[in-house]
Protein backbone atom coordinates (compact mmCIF):
# COMPACT_ATOMS: atom_id res chain seq x y z
CA MET A 1 -31.31 2.09 4.44
CA ALA A 2 -31.18 5.11 2.12
CA ASP A 3 -29.13 7.01 4.70
CA ALA A 4 -26.70 4.08 4.98
CA ALA A 5 -26.28 4.00 1.18
CA LYS A 6 -25.65 7.77 1.07
CA ASP A 7 -23.21 7.47 3.95
CA LEU A 8 -21.29 4.64 2.24
CA ALA A 9 -21.25 6.52 -1.09
CA ALA A 10 -19.94 9.69 0.59
CA ARG A 11 -17.24 7.77 2.49
CA THR A 12 -16.25 5.91 -0.67
CA MET A 13 -15.89 9.17 -2.61
CA GLY A 14 -13.87 10.58 0.28
CA GLY A 15 -11.62 7.53 0.14
CA VAL A 16 -11.15 7.89 -3.62
CA ALA A 17 -10.28 11.59 -3.22
CA GLN A 18 -7.81 10.69 -0.49
CA LEU A 19 -6.17 8.13 -2.79
CA LEU A 20 -5.92 10.53 -5.73
CA VAL A 21 -4.28 13.23 -3.64
CA GLY A 22 -2.22 11.12 -1.25
CA HIS A 23 -0.98 8.28 -3.46
CA PRO A 24 1.83 10.22 -5.18
CA PHE A 25 3.20 11.16 -1.73
CA ASP A 26 3.02 7.50 -0.72
CA ILE A 27 4.87 6.45 -3.88
CA ILE A 28 7.73 8.83 -3.10
CA LYS A 29 7.83 7.68 0.54
CA VAL A 30 8.11 4.03 -0.55
CA LYS A 31 10.82 4.89 -3.11
CA LEU A 32 12.84 6.70 -0.45
CA GLN A 33 12.41 3.85 2.03
CA SER A 34 13.22 1.08 -0.44
CA GLN A 35 16.22 2.64 -2.15
CA PRO A 36 19.33 0.49 -1.83
CA ALA A 37 21.95 1.49 0.70
CA PRO A 38 24.76 3.25 -1.16
CA SER A 39 28.33 2.02 -1.07
CA PRO A 40 30.72 4.09 1.07
CA GLY A 41 31.52 7.36 -0.67
CA VAL A 42 28.66 6.98 -3.16
CA PRO A 43 25.63 9.27 -2.83
CA PRO A 44 22.22 7.62 -2.37
CA LYS A 45 20.00 7.16 -5.41
CA TYR A 46 17.68 9.91 -4.14
CA THR A 47 18.98 12.85 -2.14
CA GLY A 48 15.49 13.68 -0.86
CA ALA A 49 11.81 13.77 -1.70
CA ILE A 50 12.07 16.45 -4.40
CA ASP A 51 14.91 14.57 -6.08
CA ALA A 52 12.87 11.34 -5.95
CA VAL A 53 9.92 13.11 -7.61
CA LYS A 54 12.15 14.55 -10.36
CA GLN A 55 13.90 11.26 -11.07
CA THR A 56 10.63 9.31 -11.03
CA LEU A 57 8.93 11.71 -13.45
CA ASN A 58 11.97 11.74 -15.76
CA SER A 59 12.47 7.98 -15.85
CA GLU A 60 8.94 6.59 -15.44
CA GLY A 61 6.53 9.40 -16.34
CA ARG A 62 3.55 10.90 -14.52
CA ALA A 63 1.54 7.69 -14.45
CA SER A 64 4.21 6.14 -12.20
CA LEU A 65 3.00 8.35 -9.34
CA TYR A 66 -0.17 6.26 -9.33
CA LYS A 67 1.50 2.84 -9.64
CA GLY A 68 -0.03 0.32 -7.26
CA MET A 69 -3.26 2.30 -6.85
CA GLY A 70 -5.47 -0.41 -8.33
CA ALA A 71 -5.69 -2.53 -5.17
CA PRO A 72 -6.51 0.33 -2.78
CA SER A 73 -9.03 1.91 -5.16
CA ALA A 74 -10.73 -1.43 -5.76
CA THR A 75 -11.14 -1.96 -2.03
CA VAL A 76 -11.98 1.58 -0.84
CA ALA A 77 -15.72 0.89 -0.64
CA ALA A 78 -15.24 -2.42 1.16
CA PHE A 79 -12.63 -0.84 3.45
CA ASN A 80 -15.00 1.97 4.48
CA ALA A 81 -17.94 -0.42 4.83
CA VAL A 82 -16.00 -2.70 7.17
CA LEU A 83 -14.46 0.19 9.10
CA PHE A 84 -17.66 2.09 9.80
CA THR A 85 -19.82 -1.00 10.31
CA ALA A 86 -17.36 -2.36 12.87
CA ARG A 87 -17.19 1.05 14.54
CA GLY A 88 -21.00 1.22 14.74
CA GLN A 89 -21.25 -2.30 16.14
CA MET A 90 -18.61 -1.51 18.76
CA GLU A 91 -20.61 1.58 19.78
CA VAL A 92 -23.76 -0.53 20.20
CA LEU A 93 -21.85 -3.06 22.33
CA LEU A 94 -20.20 -0.45 24.56
CA ARG A 95 -22.97 2.13 24.92
CA ASN A 96 -24.50 2.13 28.43
CA SER A 97 -27.99 2.97 27.12
CA PRO A 98 -29.40 3.81 23.67
CA GLY A 99 -28.39 7.34 22.64
CA ALA A 100 -26.02 7.83 25.59
CA PRO A 101 -22.72 9.51 24.71
CA LEU A 102 -19.61 7.34 24.78
CA THR A 103 -16.78 8.00 27.21
CA ILE A 104 -13.26 8.63 25.91
CA SER A 105 -12.22 5.08 26.77
CA GLN A 106 -15.30 3.68 24.99
CA GLN A 107 -14.45 5.81 21.93
CA PHE A 108 -10.91 4.41 22.08
CA LEU A 109 -12.18 0.83 22.22
CA CYS A 110 -14.54 1.50 19.29
CA GLY A 111 -11.58 2.72 17.24
CA VAL A 112 -9.45 -0.27 18.23
CA GLY A 113 -12.23 -2.69 17.27
CA ALA A 114 -12.82 -0.98 13.93
CA GLY A 115 -9.09 -0.87 13.20
CA LEU A 116 -8.68 -4.54 14.01
CA ALA A 117 -11.62 -5.51 11.80
CA VAL A 118 -10.39 -3.50 8.81
CA SER A 119 -6.77 -4.69 9.17
CA PHE A 120 -7.73 -8.01 7.56
CA LEU A 121 -8.54 -6.08 4.38
CA ALA A 122 -5.98 -3.29 4.70
CA CYS A 123 -2.84 -5.38 5.26
CA PRO A 124 -3.01 -7.46 2.07
CA THR A 125 -3.97 -4.34 0.10
CA LYS A 126 -0.99 -2.39 1.48
CA LEU A 127 1.35 -5.31 0.74
CA ILE A 128 0.25 -5.39 -2.90
CA LYS A 129 0.52 -1.60 -3.21
CA CYS A 130 4.02 -1.48 -1.69
CA ARG A 131 5.31 -4.36 -3.82
CA LEU A 132 4.10 -2.60 -6.97
CA GLN A 133 5.57 0.72 -5.86
CA ALA A 134 8.95 -0.70 -4.90
CA GLN A 135 9.50 -2.98 -7.89
CA SER A 136 11.58 -0.46 -9.87
CA SER A 137 13.97 -0.10 -6.92
CA LEU A 138 14.17 -3.88 -6.56
CA ALA A 139 14.97 -4.27 -10.26
CA THR A 140 17.76 -1.70 -9.89
CA VAL A 141 19.25 -3.66 -6.98
CA ALA A 142 18.97 -6.90 -9.00
CA LYS A 143 20.95 -5.32 -11.85
CA VAL A 144 23.63 -4.25 -9.40
CA SER A 145 23.62 -7.48 -7.36
CA PRO A 146 22.37 -10.54 -9.25
CA SER A 147 23.48 -12.74 -6.34
CA LEU A 148 20.88 -11.08 -4.06
CA ALA A 149 18.21 -11.65 -6.68
CA ALA A 150 19.21 -15.28 -7.12
CA ALA A 151 19.08 -15.81 -3.35
CA GLY A 152 15.58 -14.33 -3.27
CA ILE A 153 16.69 -11.62 -0.85
CA ILE A 154 15.34 -8.71 -2.89
CA GLY A 155 12.18 -10.27 -4.30
CA GLY A 156 11.14 -11.17 -7.79
CA SER A 157 12.03 -14.40 -9.57
CA VAL A 158 15.20 -15.13 -11.41
CA GLY A 159 15.54 -17.61 -14.22
CA ALA A 160 18.56 -19.36 -15.65
CA GLY A 161 21.09 -17.45 -17.68
CA SER A 162 21.75 -13.79 -17.10
CA MET A 163 20.20 -13.27 -13.69
CA ALA A 164 20.19 -9.49 -13.81
CA SER A 165 18.05 -9.42 -16.93
CA LYS A 166 15.62 -12.10 -15.69
CA VAL A 167 14.10 -10.33 -12.68
CA VAL A 168 10.34 -10.66 -13.05
CA MET A 169 8.39 -7.47 -12.55
CA TYR A 170 4.79 -7.59 -11.38
CA ASN A 171 2.21 -6.93 -14.08
CA GLY A 172 -0.41 -5.68 -11.64
CA PRO A 173 -2.17 -6.30 -8.33
CA MET A 174 -3.41 -9.78 -9.27
CA ASP A 175 0.13 -10.84 -10.21
CA VAL A 176 1.41 -9.78 -6.76
CA GLY A 177 -1.46 -11.54 -5.00
CA ILE A 178 -1.00 -14.78 -6.92
CA GLU A 179 2.76 -14.82 -6.34
CA ASN A 180 2.30 -14.21 -2.63
CA MET A 181 -0.31 -16.98 -2.33
CA HIS A 182 2.14 -19.40 -3.92
CA ALA A 183 4.95 -18.23 -1.62
CA SER A 184 2.96 -18.95 1.56
């Protein structure tokens, strides 16, 4: 049991390190993917990744590169526990005899089983993270096109009165989760 605890702690720390290093890149990727399509003859909001980083830092500050990180960091231990437990159980099921090496196809099936098991945790977490990351782009689109916001096409809620100024921004991961539970 002590080895399992050490293993989980090491994998959790590895997951946290991965989040700290990789999350800013993910933020920029989501910003580039979620930017509104420009009108003909108008340049896009971001001309590339470096431009997206510069604009994000100038308008939102350094902390914005870690926006939406709460959900993944809160679930990194559970994510790794499910992933590696499922992988281990798949190995036990597929192994021909105790201690025998797995074939390539058995390794593949172990990975598929582990990936399937962890997807039930990873998908909602990724949804929350992406909604938090993309909300500034969605607010920009709502200011430009209140009719899309009113129709619910771009996300967020719109109240009566000036629609462009009433787009609701998420306050955090719980806010996204609660709104999505009500929408289902």
